[in-house]
Amino acid sequence: MIRITHQREKCIGCNLCVEVAKNRWRMSRKDGKSTLVGGVDKKGFFSVLVGDDEWKENKYAADHCPVKIIKMEQV
């Protein structure tokens, strides 16, 4: 399992995460920031547990996020 964590408040809305991992990320029409699909908010940090099959595309999103607000860890 993988835990993906996203600090949404600092998102600049570049859309990279949505482009590379369409099943896990969406852009909000309200504020133009990305939303972690299935993410649960805990003090401004959204996190979700996903299967290992989502590692590659989400790791790419995390590594290339211009504001470095996506973190991933094996659990």
N, C-alpha and C. Protein backbone atom coordinates (compact mmCIF):
# COMPACT_ATOMS: atom_id res chain seq x y z
N MET A 1 0.84 -1.18 0.00
CA MET A 1 0.00 0.00 0.00
C MET A 1 0.89 1.25 0.00
N ILE A 2 0.31 2.29 -0.52
CA ILE A 2 1.01 3.57 -0.62
C ILE A 2 0.14 4.64 0.02
N ARG A 3 0.76 5.54 0.76
CA ARG A 3 0.05 6.70 1.29
C ARG A 3 0.49 7.92 0.47
N ILE A 4 -0.48 8.60 -0.12
CA ILE A 4 -0.22 9.84 -0.84
C ILE A 4 -0.72 10.97 0.05
N THR A 5 0.11 11.98 0.25
CA THR A 5 -0.26 13.14 1.05
C THR A 5 -0.10 14.40 0.21
N HIS A 6 -1.08 15.30 0.32
CA HIS A 6 -1.11 16.51 -0.50
C HIS A 6 -1.43 17.71 0.39
N GLN A 7 -0.58 18.72 0.34
CA GLN A 7 -0.82 19.95 1.08
C GLN A 7 -1.53 20.93 0.15
N ARG A 8 -2.83 20.76 0.07
CA ARG A 8 -3.65 21.43 -0.94
C ARG A 8 -3.57 22.95 -0.92
N GLU A 9 -3.50 23.55 0.24
CA GLU A 9 -3.51 25.01 0.36
C GLU A 9 -2.37 25.66 -0.44
N LYS A 10 -1.24 24.98 -0.57
CA LYS A 10 -0.09 25.53 -1.27
C LYS A 10 -0.09 25.24 -2.77
N CYS A 11 -1.10 24.54 -3.26
CA CYS A 11 -1.19 24.20 -4.67
C CYS A 11 -1.29 25.46 -5.53
N ILE A 12 -0.57 25.48 -6.65
CA ILE A 12 -0.63 26.62 -7.57
C ILE A 12 -1.46 26.31 -8.81
N GLY A 13 -2.02 25.11 -8.89
CA GLY A 13 -2.92 24.75 -9.98
C GLY A 13 -2.25 24.52 -11.32
N CYS A 14 -1.04 23.99 -11.32
CA CYS A 14 -0.31 23.78 -12.58
C CYS A 14 -0.89 22.64 -13.42
N ASN A 15 -1.65 21.73 -12.80
CA ASN A 15 -2.35 20.63 -13.48
C ASN A 15 -1.47 19.43 -13.83
N LEU A 16 -0.22 19.41 -13.46
CA LEU A 16 0.67 18.30 -13.80
C LEU A 16 0.18 16.99 -13.20
N CYS A 17 -0.21 17.00 -11.94
CA CYS A 17 -0.66 15.77 -11.28
C CYS A 17 -1.89 15.19 -11.98
N VAL A 18 -2.78 16.05 -12.43
CA VAL A 18 -3.98 15.60 -13.13
C VAL A 18 -3.61 14.97 -14.46
N GLU A 19 -2.66 15.56 -15.15
CA GLU A 19 -2.24 15.05 -16.46
C GLU A 19 -1.60 13.66 -16.37
N VAL A 20 -0.82 13.41 -15.33
CA VAL A 20 -0.10 12.13 -15.25
C VAL A 20 -0.83 11.06 -14.45
N ALA A 21 -1.76 11.45 -13.58
CA ALA A 21 -2.49 10.47 -12.76
C ALA A 21 -3.97 10.85 -12.72
N LYS A 22 -4.62 10.74 -13.85
CA LYS A 22 -6.01 11.19 -14.02
C LYS A 22 -7.00 10.52 -13.06
N ASN A 23 -6.72 9.31 -12.65
CA ASN A 23 -7.66 8.59 -11.76
C ASN A 23 -7.55 9.04 -10.31
N ARG A 24 -6.46 9.72 -9.94
CA ARG A 24 -6.24 10.08 -8.55
C ARG A 24 -6.36 11.58 -8.29
N TRP A 25 -6.30 12.41 -9.32
CA TRP A 25 -6.30 13.87 -9.16
C TRP A 25 -7.36 14.53 -10.03
N ARG A 26 -7.93 15.61 -9.51
CA ARG A 26 -8.90 16.43 -10.23
C ARG A 26 -8.60 17.90 -9.95
N MET A 27 -8.96 18.76 -10.88
CA MET A 27 -8.85 20.19 -10.66
C MET A 27 -10.19 20.71 -10.15
N SER A 28 -10.15 21.54 -9.12
CA SER A 28 -11.36 22.11 -8.55
C SER A 28 -11.83 23.28 -9.40
N ARG A 29 -13.10 23.30 -9.72
CA ARG A 29 -13.66 24.44 -10.45
C ARG A 29 -13.83 25.65 -9.55
N LYS A 30 -13.88 25.42 -8.25
CA LYS A 30 -14.08 26.51 -7.31
C LYS A 30 -12.85 27.40 -7.16
N ASP A 31 -11.68 26.76 -6.97
CA ASP A 31 -10.48 27.56 -6.71
C ASP A 31 -9.29 27.25 -7.63
N GLY A 32 -9.45 26.33 -8.58
CA GLY A 32 -8.39 26.04 -9.53
C GLY A 32 -7.23 25.23 -8.98
N LYS A 33 -7.39 24.65 -7.81
CA LYS A 33 -6.34 23.84 -7.21
C LYS A 33 -6.64 22.37 -7.42
N SER A 34 -5.60 21.55 -7.36
CA SER A 34 -5.82 20.11 -7.53
C SER A 34 -6.39 19.51 -6.26
N THR A 35 -7.16 18.46 -6.45
CA THR A 35 -7.80 17.74 -5.37
C THR A 35 -7.40 16.27 -5.44
N LEU A 36 -6.96 15.72 -4.33
CA LEU A 36 -6.59 14.32 -4.23
C LEU A 36 -7.87 13.51 -4.08
N VAL A 37 -8.21 12.74 -5.11
CA VAL A 37 -9.45 11.95 -5.11
C VAL A 37 -9.39 10.91 -4.00
N GLY A 38 -10.37 10.94 -3.12
CA GLY A 38 -10.43 10.02 -1.98
C GLY A 38 -9.66 10.52 -0.77
N GLY A 39 -9.02 11.67 -0.89
CA GLY A 39 -8.21 12.21 0.20
C GLY A 39 -9.05 12.68 1.38
N VAL A 40 -8.54 12.44 2.57
CA VAL A 40 -9.20 12.86 3.80
C VAL A 40 -8.36 13.99 4.41
N ASP A 41 -9.03 15.09 4.75
CA ASP A 41 -8.35 16.28 5.29
C ASP A 41 -8.03 16.12 6.77
N LYS A 42 -6.79 16.40 7.11
CA LYS A 42 -6.36 16.43 8.50
C LYS A 42 -5.43 17.63 8.66
N LYS A 43 -6.00 18.74 9.14
CA LYS A 43 -5.24 19.97 9.37
C LYS A 43 -4.55 20.48 8.11
N GLY A 44 -5.27 20.47 7.00
CA GLY A 44 -4.73 21.00 5.76
C GLY A 44 -3.93 20.02 4.91
N PHE A 45 -3.73 18.83 5.41
CA PHE A 45 -3.04 17.79 4.65
C PHE A 45 -4.06 16.72 4.28
N PHE A 46 -4.17 16.46 2.99
CA PHE A 46 -5.10 15.44 2.51
C PHE A 46 -4.29 14.18 2.24
N SER A 47 -4.79 13.02 2.70
CA SER A 47 -4.07 11.77 2.45
C SER A 47 -5.04 10.66 2.11
N VAL A 48 -4.51 9.69 1.38
CA VAL A 48 -5.28 8.53 0.96
C VAL A 48 -4.34 7.34 0.84
N LEU A 49 -4.85 6.16 1.14
CA LEU A 49 -4.10 4.92 0.94
C LEU A 49 -4.55 4.32 -0.39
N VAL A 50 -3.58 3.93 -1.21
CA VAL A 50 -3.88 3.35 -2.52
C VAL A 50 -3.03 2.11 -2.74
N GLY A 51 -3.37 1.35 -3.76
CA GLY A 51 -2.61 0.15 -4.10
C GLY A 51 -1.28 0.47 -4.75
N ASP A 52 -0.40 -0.51 -4.73
CA ASP A 52 0.94 -0.34 -5.31
C ASP A 52 0.90 -0.05 -6.81
N ASP A 53 -0.19 -0.40 -7.47
CA ASP A 53 -0.30 -0.18 -8.90
C ASP A 53 -0.36 1.31 -9.27
N GLU A 54 -0.58 2.18 -8.29
CA GLU A 54 -0.64 3.62 -8.56
C GLU A 54 0.69 4.33 -8.29
N TRP A 55 1.72 3.56 -7.95
CA TRP A 55 3.01 4.16 -7.58
C TRP A 55 3.61 4.98 -8.71
N LYS A 56 3.75 4.43 -9.88
CA LYS A 56 4.53 5.04 -10.95
C LYS A 56 4.03 6.44 -11.31
N GLU A 57 2.74 6.56 -11.64
CA GLU A 57 2.24 7.87 -12.09
C GLU A 57 2.19 8.90 -10.95
N ASN A 58 1.87 8.46 -9.74
CA ASN A 58 1.82 9.41 -8.63
C ASN A 58 3.22 9.80 -8.16
N LYS A 59 4.18 8.90 -8.28
CA LYS A 59 5.57 9.24 -7.96
C LYS A 59 6.08 10.28 -8.93
N TYR A 60 5.72 10.14 -10.20
CA TYR A 60 6.10 11.14 -11.20
C TYR A 60 5.49 12.50 -10.83
N ALA A 61 4.22 12.51 -10.46
CA ALA A 61 3.55 13.75 -10.06
C ALA A 61 4.24 14.38 -8.86
N ALA A 62 4.58 13.56 -7.87
CA ALA A 62 5.24 14.07 -6.66
C ALA A 62 6.63 14.63 -6.99
N ASP A 63 7.39 13.92 -7.79
CA ASP A 63 8.75 14.35 -8.12
C ASP A 63 8.77 15.61 -8.97
N HIS A 64 7.74 15.84 -9.78
CA HIS A 64 7.73 16.97 -10.70
C HIS A 64 6.80 18.11 -10.29
N CYS A 65 6.18 17.99 -9.14
CA CYS A 65 5.33 19.07 -8.63
C CYS A 65 6.21 20.30 -8.41
N PRO A 66 5.89 21.44 -9.03
CA PRO A 66 6.76 22.61 -8.91
C PRO A 66 6.83 23.19 -7.49
N VAL A 67 5.84 22.94 -6.66
CA VAL A 67 5.88 23.46 -5.29
C VAL A 67 6.12 22.35 -4.26
N LYS A 68 6.37 21.13 -4.71
CA LYS A 68 6.76 19.99 -3.86
C LYS A 68 5.79 19.76 -2.70
N ILE A 69 4.49 19.67 -3.01
CA ILE A 69 3.49 19.50 -1.96
C ILE A 69 2.84 18.12 -1.98
N ILE A 70 3.36 17.22 -2.81
CA ILE A 70 2.86 15.84 -2.87
C ILE A 70 3.93 14.93 -2.31
N LYS A 71 3.57 14.15 -1.31
CA LYS A 71 4.52 13.21 -0.69
C LYS A 71 3.95 11.80 -0.82
N MET A 72 4.85 10.84 -0.95
CA MET A 72 4.44 9.44 -1.05
C MET A 72 5.30 8.58 -0.15
N GLU A 73 4.67 7.54 0.41
CA GLU A 73 5.42 6.60 1.23
C GLU A 73 4.78 5.23 1.17
N GLN A 74 5.60 4.21 1.25
CA GLN A 74 5.13 2.84 1.32
C GLN A 74 4.68 2.58 2.75
N VAL A 75 3.51 1.95 2.91
CA VAL A 75 3.03 1.61 4.26
C VAL A 75 2.68 0.15 4.34
